[in-house]
Amino acid sequence: ELAKALLFSVKQGLYQKSYTLSQGTVDDKQQSSI
């Protein structure tokens, strides 16, 4: 279930660009994404 939750969270980040930390102050390249 943790694996599925992690995949889901990654999809959210990759496809919806819902980076809660960026908000115009941090671009995507600065984020240690997976």
PDB file of all heavy atoms in Angstrom:
ATOM      1  N   GLU A   1       0.828  -1.207   0.000  1.00  0.00           N
ATOM      2  CA  GLU A   1       0.000   0.000   0.000  1.00  0.00           C
ATOM      3  C   GLU A   1       0.865   1.261   0.000  1.00  0.00           C
ATOM      4  O   GLU A   1       0.510   2.269  -0.622  1.00  0.00           O
ATOM      5  CB  GLU A   1      -0.913  -0.008   1.230  1.00  0.00           C
ATOM      6  CG  GLU A   1      -2.039  -1.027   1.156  1.00  0.00           C
ATOM      7  CD  GLU A   1      -2.824  -1.135   2.451  1.00  0.00           C
ATOM      8  OE1 GLU A   1      -2.225  -0.917   3.534  1.00  0.00           O
ATOM      9  OE2 GLU A   1      -4.022  -1.424   2.391  1.00  0.00           O
ATOM     10  N   LEU A   2       2.001   1.199   0.689  1.00  0.00           N
ATOM     11  CA  LEU A   2       2.929   2.336   0.664  1.00  0.00           C
ATOM     12  C   LEU A   2       3.463   2.569  -0.736  1.00  0.00           C
ATOM     13  O   LEU A   2       3.618   3.717  -1.173  1.00  0.00           O
ATOM     14  CB  LEU A   2       4.081   2.093   1.640  1.00  0.00           C
ATOM     15  CG  LEU A   2       3.777   2.252   3.133  1.00  0.00           C
ATOM     16  CD1 LEU A   2       4.959   1.793   3.974  1.00  0.00           C
ATOM     17  CD2 LEU A   2       3.429   3.702   3.471  1.00  0.00           C
ATOM     18  N   ALA A   3       3.755   1.475  -1.448  1.00  0.00           N
ATOM     19  CA  ALA A   3       4.259   1.591  -2.820  1.00  0.00           C
ATOM     20  C   ALA A   3       3.232   2.284  -3.709  1.00  0.00           C
ATOM     21  O   ALA A   3       3.565   3.169  -4.495  1.00  0.00           O
ATOM     22  CB  ALA A   3       4.605   0.209  -3.357  1.00  0.00           C
ATOM     23  N   LYS A   4       1.978   1.886  -3.574  1.00  0.00           N
ATOM     24  CA  LYS A   4       0.917   2.496  -4.376  1.00  0.00           C
ATOM     25  C   LYS A   4       0.742   3.968  -4.018  1.00  0.00           C
ATOM     26  O   LYS A   4       0.548   4.820  -4.896  1.00  0.00           O
ATOM     27  CB  LYS A   4      -0.391   1.744  -4.167  1.00  0.00           C
ATOM     28  CG  LYS A   4      -0.404   0.341  -4.760  1.00  0.00           C
ATOM     29  CD  LYS A   4      -1.746  -0.332  -4.508  1.00  0.00           C
ATOM     30  CE  LYS A   4      -1.762  -1.741  -5.115  1.00  0.00           C
ATOM     31  NZ  LYS A   4      -3.065  -2.428  -4.855  1.00  0.00           N
ATOM     32  N   ALA A   5       0.818   4.273  -2.724  1.00  0.00           N
ATOM     33  CA  ALA A   5       0.669   5.663  -2.290  1.00  0.00           C
ATOM     34  C   ALA A   5       1.801   6.535  -2.832  1.00  0.00           C
ATOM     35  O   ALA A   5       1.583   7.680  -3.226  1.00  0.00           O
ATOM     36  CB  ALA A   5       0.629   5.733  -0.764  1.00  0.00           C
ATOM     37  N   LEU A   6       3.003   5.968  -2.856  1.00  0.00           N
ATOM     38  CA  LEU A   6       4.143   6.723  -3.378  1.00  0.00           C
ATOM     39  C   LEU A   6       3.993   6.962  -4.870  1.00  0.00           C
ATOM     40  O   LEU A   6       4.248   8.069  -5.363  1.00  0.00           O
ATOM     41  CB  LEU A   6       5.443   5.977  -3.077  1.00  0.00           C
ATOM     42  CG  LEU A   6       6.742   6.664  -3.515  1.00  0.00           C
ATOM     43  CD1 LEU A   6       6.851   8.060  -2.893  1.00  0.00           C
ATOM     44  CD2 LEU A   6       7.948   5.822  -3.125  1.00  0.00           C
ATOM     45  N   LEU A   7       3.571   5.944  -5.612  1.00  0.00           N
ATOM     46  CA  LEU A   7       3.336   6.107  -7.052  1.00  0.00           C
ATOM     47  C   LEU A   7       2.286   7.180  -7.310  1.00  0.00           C
ATOM     48  O   LEU A   7       2.431   8.019  -8.208  1.00  0.00           O
ATOM     49  CB  LEU A   7       2.885   4.780  -7.664  1.00  0.00           C
ATOM     50  CG  LEU A   7       3.992   3.828  -8.137  1.00  0.00           C
ATOM     51  CD1 LEU A   7       3.397   2.502  -8.572  1.00  0.00           C
ATOM     52  CD2 LEU A   7       4.786   4.454  -9.267  1.00  0.00           C
ATOM     53  N   PHE A   8       1.231   7.159  -6.528  1.00  0.00           N
ATOM     54  CA  PHE A   8       0.164   8.137  -6.697  1.00  0.00           C
ATOM     55  C   PHE A   8       0.674   9.552  -6.439  1.00  0.00           C
ATOM     56  O   PHE A   8       0.373  10.481  -7.194  1.00  0.00           O
ATOM     57  CB  PHE A   8      -0.994   7.825  -5.743  1.00  0.00           C
ATOM     58  CG  PHE A   8      -2.107   8.821  -5.812  1.00  0.00           C
ATOM     59  CD1 PHE A   8      -3.014   8.806  -6.862  1.00  0.00           C
ATOM     60  CD2 PHE A   8      -2.253   9.792  -4.822  1.00  0.00           C
ATOM     61  CE1 PHE A   8      -4.040   9.737  -6.930  1.00  0.00           C
ATOM     62  CE2 PHE A   8      -3.271  10.721  -4.883  1.00  0.00           C
ATOM     63  CZ  PHE A   8      -4.174  10.699  -5.936  1.00  0.00           C
ATOM     64  N   SER A   9       1.477   9.705  -5.386  1.00  0.00           N
ATOM     65  CA  SER A   9       1.994  11.040  -5.070  1.00  0.00           C
ATOM     66  C   SER A   9       2.927  11.546  -6.160  1.00  0.00           C
ATOM     67  O   SER A   9       2.950  12.729  -6.458  1.00  0.00           O
ATOM     68  CB  SER A   9       2.710  11.027  -3.722  1.00  0.00           C
ATOM     69  OG  SER A   9       3.932  10.323  -3.800  1.00  0.00           O
ATOM     70  N   VAL A  10       3.696  10.630  -6.750  1.00  0.00           N
ATOM     71  CA  VAL A  10       4.592  11.018  -7.847  1.00  0.00           C
ATOM     72  C   VAL A  10       3.798  11.447  -9.064  1.00  0.00           C
ATOM     73  O   VAL A  10       4.121  12.439  -9.723  1.00  0.00           O
ATOM     74  CB  VAL A  10       5.551   9.859  -8.183  1.00  0.00           C
ATOM     75  CG1 VAL A  10       6.314  10.152  -9.466  1.00  0.00           C
ATOM     76  CG2 VAL A  10       6.527   9.654  -7.048  1.00  0.00           C
ATOM     77  N   LYS A  11       2.730  10.707  -9.358  1.00  0.00           N
ATOM     78  CA  LYS A  11       1.881  11.086 -10.485  1.00  0.00           C
ATOM     79  C   LYS A  11       1.307  12.471 -10.286  1.00  0.00           C
ATOM     80  O   LYS A  11       1.260  13.288 -11.203  1.00  0.00           O
ATOM     81  CB  LYS A  11       0.743  10.083 -10.651  1.00  0.00           C
ATOM     82  CG  LYS A  11       1.156   8.746 -11.236  1.00  0.00           C
ATOM     83  CD  LYS A  11      -0.048   7.837 -11.380  1.00  0.00           C
ATOM     84  CE  LYS A  11       0.354   6.490 -11.965  1.00  0.00           C
ATOM     85  NZ  LYS A  11      -0.825   5.585 -12.105  1.00  0.00           N
ATOM     86  N   GLN A  12       0.883  12.747  -9.081  1.00  0.00           N
ATOM     87  CA  GLN A  12       0.353  14.065  -8.772  1.00  0.00           C
ATOM     88  C   GLN A  12       1.397  15.139  -9.042  1.00  0.00           C
ATOM     89  O   GLN A  12       1.100  16.174  -9.636  1.00  0.00           O
ATOM     90  CB  GLN A  12      -0.085  14.131  -7.308  1.00  0.00           C
ATOM     91  CG  GLN A  12      -1.248  13.233  -6.947  1.00  0.00           C
ATOM     92  CD  GLN A  12      -2.547  13.702  -7.558  1.00  0.00           C
ATOM     93  OE1 GLN A  12      -2.934  13.242  -8.640  1.00  0.00           O
ATOM     94  NE2 GLN A  12      -3.219  14.614  -6.898  1.00  0.00           N
ATOM     95  N   GLY A  13       2.607  14.885  -8.629  1.00  0.00           N
ATOM     96  CA  GLY A  13       3.671  15.860  -8.815  1.00  0.00           C
ATOM     97  C   GLY A  13       4.068  16.017 -10.260  1.00  0.00           C
ATOM     98  O   GLY A  13       4.327  17.123 -10.738  1.00  0.00           O
ATOM     99  N   LEU A  14       4.121  14.875 -11.016  1.00  0.00           N
ATOM    100  CA  LEU A  14       4.586  14.915 -12.396  1.00  0.00           C
ATOM    101  C   LEU A  14       3.553  15.490 -13.345  1.00  0.00           C
ATOM    102  O   LEU A  14       3.881  16.259 -14.238  1.00  0.00           O
ATOM    103  CB  LEU A  14       4.970  13.503 -12.853  1.00  0.00           C
ATOM    104  CG  LEU A  14       6.272  12.932 -12.290  1.00  0.00           C
ATOM    105  CD1 LEU A  14       6.437  11.488 -12.732  1.00  0.00           C
ATOM    106  CD2 LEU A  14       7.464  13.756 -12.730  1.00  0.00           C
ATOM    107  N   TYR A  15       2.298  15.128 -13.142  1.00  0.00           N
ATOM    108  CA  TYR A  15       1.296  15.468 -14.140  1.00  0.00           C
ATOM    109  C   TYR A  15       0.453  16.686 -13.785  1.00  0.00           C
ATOM    110  O   TYR A  15      -0.058  17.355 -14.661  1.00  0.00           O
ATOM    111  CB  TYR A  15       0.371  14.265 -14.387  1.00  0.00           C
ATOM    112  CG  TYR A  15       1.131  13.048 -14.841  1.00  0.00           C
ATOM    113  CD1 TYR A  15       0.864  11.793 -14.310  1.00  0.00           C
ATOM    114  CD2 TYR A  15       2.146  13.162 -15.784  1.00  0.00           C
ATOM    115  CE1 TYR A  15       1.569  10.670 -14.710  1.00  0.00           C
ATOM    116  CE2 TYR A  15       2.857  12.049 -16.189  1.00  0.00           C
ATOM    117  CZ  TYR A  15       2.572  10.807 -15.658  1.00  0.00           C
ATOM    118  OH  TYR A  15       3.285   9.697 -16.057  1.00  0.00           O
ATOM    119  N   GLN A  16       0.294  16.958 -12.494  1.00  0.00           N
ATOM    120  CA  GLN A  16      -0.511  18.108 -12.109  1.00  0.00           C
ATOM    121  C   GLN A  16       0.335  19.306 -11.696  1.00  0.00           C
ATOM    122  O   GLN A  16      -0.191  20.372 -11.444  1.00  0.00           O
ATOM    123  CB  GLN A  16      -1.448  17.729 -10.955  1.00  0.00           C
ATOM    124  CG  GLN A  16      -2.454  16.648 -11.341  1.00  0.00           C
ATOM    125  CD  GLN A  16      -3.401  16.330 -10.206  1.00  0.00           C
ATOM    126  OE1 GLN A  16      -3.512  17.082  -9.248  1.00  0.00           O
ATOM    127  NE2 GLN A  16      -4.082  15.201 -10.315  1.00  0.00           N
ATOM    128  N   LYS A  17       1.644  19.081 -11.634  1.00  0.00           N
ATOM    129  CA  LYS A  17       2.554  20.158 -11.240  1.00  0.00           C
ATOM    130  C   LYS A  17       2.127  20.789  -9.918  1.00  0.00           C
ATOM    131  O   LYS A  17       2.198  21.997  -9.730  1.00  0.00           O
ATOM    132  CB  LYS A  17       2.610  21.249 -12.320  1.00  0.00           C
ATOM    133  CG  LYS A  17       3.154  20.739 -13.645  1.00  0.00           C
ATOM    134  CD  LYS A  17       4.597  20.324 -13.553  1.00  0.00           C
ATOM    135  CE  LYS A  17       5.148  19.864 -14.887  1.00  0.00           C
ATOM    136  NZ  LYS A  17       6.518  19.360 -14.791  1.00  0.00           N
ATOM    137  N   SER A  18       1.620  19.937  -9.030  1.00  0.00           N
ATOM    138  CA  SER A  18       1.117  20.454  -7.755  1.00  0.00           C
ATOM    139  C   SER A  18       2.236  20.503  -6.730  1.00  0.00           C
ATOM    140  O   SER A  18       2.196  19.855  -5.701  1.00  0.00           O
ATOM    141  CB  SER A  18      -0.033  19.580  -7.245  1.00  0.00           C
ATOM    142  OG  SER A  18       0.396  18.244  -7.096  1.00  0.00           O
ATOM    143  N   TYR A  19       3.266  21.267  -7.042  1.00  0.00           N
ATOM    144  CA  TYR A  19       4.383  21.410  -6.109  1.00  0.00           C
ATOM    145  C   TYR A  19       4.008  22.432  -5.041  1.00  0.00           C
ATOM    146  O   TYR A  19       3.949  23.623  -5.288  1.00  0.00           O
ATOM    147  CB  TYR A  19       5.639  21.869  -6.849  1.00  0.00           C
ATOM    148  CG  TYR A  19       6.169  20.859  -7.826  1.00  0.00           C
ATOM    149  CD1 TYR A  19       6.017  21.067  -9.194  1.00  0.00           C
ATOM    150  CD2 TYR A  19       6.795  19.710  -7.392  1.00  0.00           C
ATOM    151  CE1 TYR A  19       6.504  20.148 -10.097  1.00  0.00           C
ATOM    152  CE2 TYR A  19       7.277  18.783  -8.289  1.00  0.00           C
ATOM    153  CZ  TYR A  19       7.134  19.002  -9.649  1.00  0.00           C
ATOM    154  OH  TYR A  19       7.604  18.084 -10.543  1.00  0.00           O
ATOM    155  N   THR A  20       3.731  21.961  -3.869  1.00  0.00           N
ATOM    156  CA  THR A  20       3.306  22.869  -2.810  1.00  0.00           C
ATOM    157  C   THR A  20       4.419  23.807  -2.378  1.00  0.00           C
ATOM    158  O   THR A  20       4.178  24.811  -1.739  1.00  0.00           O
ATOM    159  CB  THR A  20       2.833  22.066  -1.587  1.00  0.00           C
ATOM    160  OG1 THR A  20       3.902  21.230  -1.143  1.00  0.00           O
ATOM    161  CG2 THR A  20       1.634  21.212  -1.946  1.00  0.00           C
ATOM    162  N   LEU A  21       5.651  23.472  -2.724  1.00  0.00           N
ATOM    163  CA  LEU A  21       6.762  24.295  -2.264  1.00  0.00           C
ATOM    164  C   LEU A  21       7.143  25.386  -3.250  1.00  0.00           C
ATOM    165  O   LEU A  21       7.847  26.314  -2.904  1.00  0.00           O
ATOM    166  CB  LEU A  21       7.987  23.411  -1.993  1.00  0.00           C
ATOM    167  CG  LEU A  21       7.786  22.317  -0.966  1.00  0.00           C
ATOM    168  CD1 LEU A  21       9.050  21.489  -0.849  1.00  0.00           C
ATOM    169  CD2 LEU A  21       7.437  22.919   0.373  1.00  0.00           C
ATOM    170  N   SER A  22       6.721  25.232  -4.515  1.00  0.00           N
ATOM    171  CA  SER A  22       7.190  26.197  -5.514  1.00  0.00           C
ATOM    172  C   SER A  22       6.444  27.513  -5.384  1.00  0.00           C
ATOM    173  O   SER A  22       6.981  28.503  -4.922  1.00  0.00           O
ATOM    174  CB  SER A  22       7.040  25.627  -6.922  1.00  0.00           C
ATOM    175  OG  SER A  22       5.709  25.278  -7.182  1.00  0.00           O
ATOM    176  N   GLN A  23       5.183  27.540  -5.736  1.00  0.00           N
ATOM    177  CA  GLN A  23       4.361  28.737  -5.610  1.00  0.00           C
ATOM    178  C   GLN A  23       5.083  29.984  -6.122  1.00  0.00           C
ATOM    179  O   GLN A  23       5.003  31.059  -5.563  1.00  0.00           O
ATOM    180  CB  GLN A  23       3.926  28.949  -4.151  1.00  0.00           C
ATOM    181  CG  GLN A  23       3.106  27.796  -3.607  1.00  0.00           C
ATOM    182  CD  GLN A  23       2.714  27.987  -2.166  1.00  0.00           C
ATOM    183  OE1 GLN A  23       3.237  28.869  -1.492  1.00  0.00           O
ATOM    184  NE2 GLN A  23       1.819  27.175  -1.664  1.00  0.00           N
ATOM    185  N   GLY A  24       5.802  29.797  -7.216  1.00  0.00           N
ATOM    186  CA  GLY A  24       6.462  30.936  -7.819  1.00  0.00           C
ATOM    187  C   GLY A  24       7.810  31.273  -7.229  1.00  0.00           C
ATOM    188  O   GLY A  24       8.488  32.169  -7.719  1.00  0.00           O
ATOM    189  N   THR A  25       8.245  30.572  -6.188  1.00  0.00           N
ATOM    190  CA  THR A  25       9.520  30.908  -5.565  1.00  0.00           C
ATOM    191  C   THR A  25      10.600  29.873  -5.881  1.00  0.00           C
ATOM    192  O   THR A  25      11.772  30.163  -5.793  1.00  0.00           O
ATOM    193  CB  THR A  25       9.386  31.018  -4.037  1.00  0.00           C
ATOM    194  OG1 THR A  25       9.028  29.746  -3.513  1.00  0.00           O
ATOM    195  CG2 THR A  25       8.337  32.034  -3.661  1.00  0.00           C
ATOM    196  N   VAL A  26      10.180  28.659  -6.200  1.00  0.00           N
ATOM    197  CA  VAL A  26      11.142  27.603  -6.490  1.00  0.00           C
ATOM    198  C   VAL A  26      10.735  26.938  -7.787  1.00  0.00           C
ATOM    199  O   VAL A  26       9.615  26.453  -7.911  1.00  0.00           O
ATOM    200  CB  VAL A  26      11.148  26.537  -5.366  1.00  0.00           C
ATOM    201  CG1 VAL A  26      12.232  25.504  -5.628  1.00  0.00           C
ATOM    202  CG2 VAL A  26      11.351  27.184  -4.019  1.00  0.00           C
ATOM    203  N   ASP A  27      11.627  26.913  -8.780  1.00  0.00           N
ATOM    204  CA  ASP A  27      11.238  26.255 -10.023  1.00  0.00           C
ATOM    205  C   ASP A  27      11.443  24.751  -9.916  1.00  0.00           C
ATOM    206  O   ASP A  27      12.085  24.240  -9.009  1.00  0.00           O
ATOM    207  CB  ASP A  27      12.012  26.832 -11.221  1.00  0.00           C
ATOM    208  CG  ASP A  27      13.512  26.619 -11.108  1.00  0.00           C
ATOM    209  OD1 ASP A  27      13.915  25.525 -10.662  1.00  0.00           O
ATOM    210  OD2 ASP A  27      14.269  27.531 -11.474  1.00  0.00           O
ATOM    211  N   ASP A  28      10.908  24.025 -10.912  1.00  0.00           N
ATOM    212  CA  ASP A  28      10.899  22.565 -10.849  1.00  0.00           C
ATOM    213  C   ASP A  28      12.299  21.971 -10.799  1.00  0.00           C
ATOM    214  O   ASP A  28      12.537  20.949 -10.165  1.00  0.00           O
ATOM    215  CB  ASP A  28      10.158  21.992 -12.061  1.00  0.00           C
ATOM    216  CG  ASP A  28       8.679  22.381 -12.040  1.00  0.00           C
ATOM    217  OD1 ASP A  28       8.239  22.871 -10.997  1.00  0.00           O
ATOM    218  OD2 ASP A  28       7.996  22.203 -13.063  1.00  0.00           O
ATOM    219  N   LYS A  29      13.256  22.596 -11.478  1.00  0.00           N
ATOM    220  CA  LYS A  29      14.613  22.047 -11.516  1.00  0.00           C
ATOM    221  C   LYS A  29      15.271  22.066 -10.143  1.00  0.00           C
ATOM    222  O   LYS A  29      16.186  21.305  -9.890  1.00  0.00           O
ATOM    223  CB  LYS A  29      15.456  22.849 -12.511  1.00  0.00           C
ATOM    224  CG  LYS A  29      15.028  22.668 -13.960  1.00  0.00           C
ATOM    225  CD  LYS A  29      15.915  23.466 -14.898  1.00  0.00           C
ATOM    226  CE  LYS A  29      15.475  23.303 -16.344  1.00  0.00           C
ATOM    227  NZ  LYS A  29      16.327  24.087 -17.275  1.00  0.00           N
ATOM    228  N   GLN A  30      14.813  22.972  -9.289  1.00  0.00           N
ATOM    229  CA  GLN A  30      15.411  23.073  -7.964  1.00  0.00           C
ATOM    230  C   GLN A  30      14.899  21.997  -7.022  1.00  0.00           C
ATOM    231  O   GLN A  30      15.462  21.783  -5.959  1.00  0.00           O
ATOM    232  CB  GLN A  30      15.103  24.448  -7.349  1.00  0.00           C
ATOM    233  CG  GLN A  30      15.868  25.589  -7.994  1.00  0.00           C
ATOM    234  CD  GLN A  30      15.473  26.897  -7.369  1.00  0.00           C
ATOM    235  OE1 GLN A  30      14.374  27.408  -7.569  1.00  0.00           O
ATOM    236  NE2 GLN A  30      16.366  27.460  -6.576  1.00  0.00           N
ATOM    237  N   GLN A  31      13.816  21.331  -7.394  1.00  0.00           N
ATOM    238  CA  GLN A  31      13.222  20.368  -6.486  1.00  0.00           C
ATOM    239  C   GLN A  31      13.850  18.994  -6.673  1.00  0.00           C
ATOM    240  O   GLN A  31      14.077  18.540  -7.774  1.00  0.00           O
ATOM    241  CB  GLN A  31      11.714  20.277  -6.725  1.00  0.00           C
ATOM    242  CG  GLN A  31      11.052  21.636  -6.555  1.00  0.00           C
ATOM    243  CD  GLN A  31       9.586  21.478  -6.315  1.00  0.00           C
ATOM    244  OE1 GLN A  31       9.196  20.632  -5.539  1.00  0.00           O
ATOM    245  NE2 GLN A  31       8.792  22.295  -6.966  1.00  0.00           N
ATOM    246  N   SER A  32      14.142  18.345  -5.550  1.00  0.00           N
ATOM    247  CA  SER A  32      14.723  17.001  -5.595  1.00  0.00           C
ATOM    248  C   SER A  32      13.599  16.014  -5.858  1.00  0.00           C
ATOM    249  O   SER A  32      13.146  15.306  -4.973  1.00  0.00           O
ATOM    250  CB  SER A  32      15.423  16.691  -4.268  1.00  0.00           C
ATOM    251  OG  SER A  32      16.392  17.643  -4.010  1.00  0.00           O
ATOM    252  N   SER A  33      13.109  16.004  -7.094  1.00  0.00           N
ATOM    253  CA  SER A  33      11.966  15.162  -7.426  1.00  0.00           C
ATOM    254  C   SER A  33      12.431  13.773  -7.820  1.00  0.00           C
ATOM    255  O   SER A  33      13.610  13.514  -8.047  1.00  0.00           O
ATOM    256  CB  SER A  33      11.159  15.789  -8.554  1.00  0.00           C
ATOM    257  OG  SER A  33      11.981  15.952  -9.691  1.00  0.00           O
ATOM    258  N   ILE A  34      11.465  12.879  -7.924  1.00  0.00           N
ATOM    259  CA  ILE A  34      11.757  11.497  -8.268  1.00  0.00           C
ATOM    260  C   ILE A  34      10.895  11.101  -9.460  1.00  0.00           C
ATOM    261  O   ILE A  34       9.737  11.486  -9.541  1.00  0.00           O
ATOM    262  CB  ILE A  34      11.472  10.567  -7.064  1.00  0.00           C
ATOM    263  CG1 ILE A  34      11.933   9.159  -7.349  1.00  0.00           C
ATOM    264  CG2 ILE A  34      10.026  10.565  -6.670  1.00  0.00           C
ATOM    265  CD1 ILE A  34      11.931   8.275  -6.119  1.00  0.00           C
TER     266      ILE A  34
END
